[in-house]
Each structure stands twice: as C-alpha cells, then as structure tokens.
Amino acid sequence: MLCTKEDTELYSKTLLHDKYEYRANCIAVRLLLPYYLDGLDEIEQVNVNDFMKMFELTNDMYDACVKIMKNCIAA
C-alpha cells in the first residue's frame, strides 16, 4: 500500500492523528517489553524510567508504559 501526498496531509491534519500515534506507541511498548525483561536478572529490577531511556521513549508515554508493564508482568 502506497501513501500519496494527499494521504499524508490528511493524516497530519486529522483530529485522530494523536490517537493513532498513541495507539501505535502503545503497541511498540508491548513489543519492546519482552526484550527489556530478557535483560534483567530478576523481575524486581523492572524500572519504567530505565525502560523508557533504553528505547528512547518520550515522557508523554510514561503513564502508558507503567500501565502496560503492570499488566504484562501481572499476567
């Protein structure tokens, strides 16, 4: 699937842009979390700030990272 210039402009100007971006970022966090956890010796070493720094996530994703990490570790 190829995007045209008009598609890009529509995506950038839509009110749902931030929502789509946030959802994509949450999916990325779920995909990256196993790589982070594999590098830890114990589950008690989990640190959201270290995770975010390792993968260069922006501060606006902090709450989402905490929620996703809690859900994944508890499961």
N, C-alpha and C. Protein backbone atom coordinates (compact mmCIF):
# COMPACT_ATOMS: atom_id res chain seq x y z
N MET A 1 0.85 -1.18 0.00
CA MET A 1 0.00 0.00 0.00
C MET A 1 0.89 1.23 0.00
N LEU A 2 0.65 2.09 -0.92
CA LEU A 2 1.42 3.32 -1.04
C LEU A 2 0.58 4.50 -0.60
N CYS A 3 1.23 5.43 0.08
CA CYS A 3 0.55 6.65 0.51
C CYS A 3 0.92 7.78 -0.44
N THR A 4 -0.08 8.52 -0.81
CA THR A 4 0.16 9.69 -1.64
C THR A 4 0.37 10.91 -0.76
N LYS A 5 0.76 12.00 -1.37
CA LYS A 5 0.96 13.24 -0.63
C LYS A 5 -0.35 13.67 0.04
N GLU A 6 -1.47 13.46 -0.64
CA GLU A 6 -2.77 13.82 -0.08
C GLU A 6 -3.10 12.98 1.16
N ASP A 7 -2.74 11.69 1.11
CA ASP A 7 -2.97 10.82 2.26
C ASP A 7 -2.18 11.31 3.47
N THR A 8 -0.93 11.70 3.23
CA THR A 8 -0.08 12.18 4.30
C THR A 8 -0.63 13.46 4.89
N GLU A 9 -1.09 14.34 4.04
CA GLU A 9 -1.66 15.60 4.53
C GLU A 9 -2.92 15.35 5.33
N LEU A 10 -3.75 14.45 4.88
CA LEU A 10 -4.97 14.12 5.60
C LEU A 10 -4.65 13.54 6.96
N TYR A 11 -3.69 12.63 7.01
CA TYR A 11 -3.28 12.02 8.28
C TYR A 11 -2.75 13.08 9.24
N SER A 12 -1.96 14.00 8.75
CA SER A 12 -1.36 15.02 9.60
C SER A 12 -2.39 16.02 10.11
N LYS A 13 -3.45 16.24 9.35
CA LYS A 13 -4.42 17.27 9.71
C LYS A 13 -5.63 16.73 10.46
N THR A 14 -5.79 15.44 10.54
CA THR A 14 -6.98 14.88 11.17
C THR A 14 -6.90 14.99 12.69
N LEU A 15 -8.04 15.08 13.30
CA LEU A 15 -8.10 15.16 14.76
C LEU A 15 -7.71 13.83 15.41
N LEU A 16 -7.77 12.77 14.65
CA LEU A 16 -7.44 11.46 15.21
C LEU A 16 -5.95 11.14 15.14
N HIS A 17 -5.16 12.03 14.58
CA HIS A 17 -3.73 11.81 14.43
C HIS A 17 -3.08 11.42 15.76
N ASP A 18 -3.33 12.20 16.81
CA ASP A 18 -2.72 11.92 18.12
C ASP A 18 -3.17 10.57 18.67
N LYS A 19 -4.44 10.25 18.45
CA LYS A 19 -4.97 8.97 18.93
C LYS A 19 -4.29 7.80 18.22
N TYR A 20 -4.13 7.91 16.91
CA TYR A 20 -3.46 6.85 16.14
C TYR A 20 -2.01 6.71 16.58
N GLU A 21 -1.35 7.84 16.78
CA GLU A 21 0.05 7.84 17.18
C GLU A 21 0.21 7.21 18.57
N TYR A 22 -0.68 7.55 19.49
CA TYR A 22 -0.64 7.00 20.84
C TYR A 22 -0.84 5.48 20.81
N ARG A 23 -1.80 5.03 20.04
CA ARG A 23 -2.06 3.58 19.94
C ARG A 23 -0.85 2.85 19.35
N ALA A 24 -0.25 3.43 18.35
CA ALA A 24 0.94 2.83 17.74
C ALA A 24 2.09 2.76 18.74
N ASN A 25 2.23 3.81 19.52
CA ASN A 25 3.28 3.82 20.54
C ASN A 25 3.03 2.77 21.62
N CYS A 26 1.78 2.57 22.00
CA CYS A 26 1.45 1.53 22.99
C CYS A 26 1.75 0.14 22.45
N ILE A 27 1.48 -0.08 21.19
CA ILE A 27 1.81 -1.37 20.58
C ILE A 27 3.32 -1.56 20.58
N ALA A 28 4.06 -0.50 20.29
CA ALA A 28 5.52 -0.59 20.30
C ALA A 28 6.03 -0.93 21.69
N VAL A 29 5.44 -0.35 22.72
CA VAL A 29 5.85 -0.66 24.10
C VAL A 29 5.62 -2.14 24.39
N ARG A 30 4.47 -2.67 23.99
CA ARG A 30 4.19 -4.09 24.21
C ARG A 30 5.19 -4.99 23.48
N LEU A 31 5.62 -4.56 22.29
CA LEU A 31 6.58 -5.34 21.52
C LEU A 31 7.99 -5.26 22.10
N LEU A 32 8.34 -4.12 22.67
CA LEU A 32 9.69 -3.92 23.21
C LEU A 32 9.87 -4.50 24.61
N LEU A 33 8.79 -4.60 25.35
CA LEU A 33 8.87 -5.04 26.74
C LEU A 33 9.57 -6.39 26.92
N PRO A 34 9.28 -7.41 26.13
CA PRO A 34 9.99 -8.69 26.31
C PRO A 34 11.51 -8.57 26.15
N TYR A 35 11.97 -7.71 25.26
CA TYR A 35 13.42 -7.51 25.09
C TYR A 35 14.04 -6.89 26.35
N TYR A 36 13.32 -5.97 26.94
CA TYR A 36 13.79 -5.35 28.18
C TYR A 36 13.82 -6.36 29.31
N LEU A 37 12.74 -7.13 29.45
CA LEU A 37 12.65 -8.10 30.54
C LEU A 37 13.69 -9.21 30.41
N ASP A 38 14.02 -9.60 29.19
CA ASP A 38 15.04 -10.64 28.98
C ASP A 38 16.40 -10.23 29.50
N GLY A 39 16.67 -8.94 29.54
CA GLY A 39 17.96 -8.45 30.00
C GLY A 39 18.07 -8.31 31.50
N LEU A 40 16.99 -8.56 32.22
CA LEU A 40 17.00 -8.42 33.68
C LEU A 40 17.26 -9.76 34.36
N ASP A 41 17.94 -9.70 35.49
CA ASP A 41 18.18 -10.91 36.27
C ASP A 41 16.95 -11.32 37.06
N GLU A 42 16.24 -10.32 37.61
CA GLU A 42 15.06 -10.58 38.43
C GLU A 42 13.96 -9.59 38.06
N ILE A 43 12.74 -10.02 38.22
CA ILE A 43 11.58 -9.18 37.88
C ILE A 43 11.52 -7.93 38.77
N GLU A 44 12.12 -8.01 39.94
CA GLU A 44 12.13 -6.86 40.86
C GLU A 44 12.97 -5.71 40.32
N GLN A 45 13.78 -5.97 39.31
CA GLN A 45 14.64 -4.94 38.74
C GLN A 45 13.91 -4.08 37.70
N VAL A 46 12.67 -4.36 37.42
CA VAL A 46 11.91 -3.60 36.42
C VAL A 46 11.82 -2.14 36.85
N ASN A 47 12.17 -1.26 35.93
CA ASN A 47 12.14 0.17 36.20
C ASN A 47 11.64 0.87 34.94
N VAL A 48 10.53 1.54 35.05
CA VAL A 48 9.91 2.18 33.88
C VAL A 48 10.83 3.24 33.28
N ASN A 49 11.55 3.96 34.12
CA ASN A 49 12.44 5.00 33.60
C ASN A 49 13.60 4.40 32.81
N ASP A 50 14.15 3.29 33.31
CA ASP A 50 15.22 2.60 32.57
C ASP A 50 14.71 2.08 31.23
N PHE A 51 13.50 1.53 31.25
CA PHE A 51 12.87 1.02 30.02
C PHE A 51 12.72 2.14 28.99
N MET A 52 12.19 3.26 29.44
CA MET A 52 11.95 4.38 28.54
C MET A 52 13.26 4.95 28.01
N LYS A 53 14.26 5.00 28.86
CA LYS A 53 15.56 5.52 28.43
C LYS A 53 16.21 4.57 27.43
N MET A 54 16.11 3.26 27.69
CA MET A 54 16.72 2.26 26.82
C MET A 54 16.18 2.37 25.39
N PHE A 55 14.87 2.59 25.27
CA PHE A 55 14.24 2.63 23.95
C PHE A 55 13.91 4.05 23.48
N GLU A 56 14.43 5.03 24.21
CA GLU A 56 14.28 6.44 23.86
C GLU A 56 12.82 6.86 23.66
N LEU A 57 11.99 6.48 24.62
CA LEU A 57 10.58 6.86 24.58
C LEU A 57 10.42 8.24 25.19
N THR A 58 9.46 8.98 24.70
CA THR A 58 9.21 10.33 25.19
C THR A 58 8.45 10.29 26.51
N ASN A 59 8.57 11.36 27.27
CA ASN A 59 7.96 11.43 28.60
C ASN A 59 6.44 11.31 28.58
N ASP A 60 5.81 11.69 27.48
CA ASP A 60 4.36 11.61 27.42
C ASP A 60 3.85 10.16 27.41
N MET A 61 4.77 9.21 27.23
CA MET A 61 4.39 7.79 27.24
C MET A 61 4.57 7.14 28.62
N TYR A 62 4.97 7.92 29.62
CA TYR A 62 5.25 7.37 30.95
C TYR A 62 4.07 6.59 31.52
N ASP A 63 2.90 7.23 31.58
CA ASP A 63 1.72 6.57 32.18
C ASP A 63 1.34 5.31 31.41
N ALA A 64 1.42 5.38 30.10
CA ALA A 64 1.10 4.20 29.29
C ALA A 64 2.09 3.08 29.56
N CYS A 65 3.37 3.42 29.68
CA CYS A 65 4.40 2.40 29.97
C CYS A 65 4.15 1.74 31.32
N VAL A 66 3.82 2.54 32.31
CA VAL A 66 3.54 1.98 33.65
C VAL A 66 2.37 1.01 33.57
N LYS A 67 1.30 1.43 32.93
CA LYS A 67 0.11 0.59 32.82
C LYS A 67 0.40 -0.71 32.05
N ILE A 68 1.07 -0.60 30.94
CA ILE A 68 1.38 -1.77 30.12
C ILE A 68 2.32 -2.71 30.86
N MET A 69 3.32 -2.15 31.51
CA MET A 69 4.27 -3.00 32.27
C MET A 69 3.56 -3.73 33.40
N LYS A 70 2.70 -3.05 34.13
CA LYS A 70 1.96 -3.69 35.22
C LYS A 70 1.10 -4.83 34.68
N ASN A 71 0.40 -4.59 33.59
CA ASN A 71 -0.48 -5.61 33.01
C ASN A 71 0.30 -6.80 32.50
N CYS A 72 1.42 -6.56 31.84
CA CYS A 72 2.21 -7.65 31.28
C CYS A 72 2.91 -8.48 32.35
N ILE A 73 3.41 -7.82 33.38
CA ILE A 73 4.13 -8.53 34.44
C ILE A 73 3.16 -9.31 35.31
N ALA A 74 1.98 -8.76 35.54
CA ALA A 74 0.99 -9.43 36.38
C ALA A 74 0.38 -10.66 35.69
N ALA A 75 0.43 -10.67 34.36
CA ALA A 75 -0.21 -11.76 33.60
C ALA A 75 0.59 -13.04 33.64
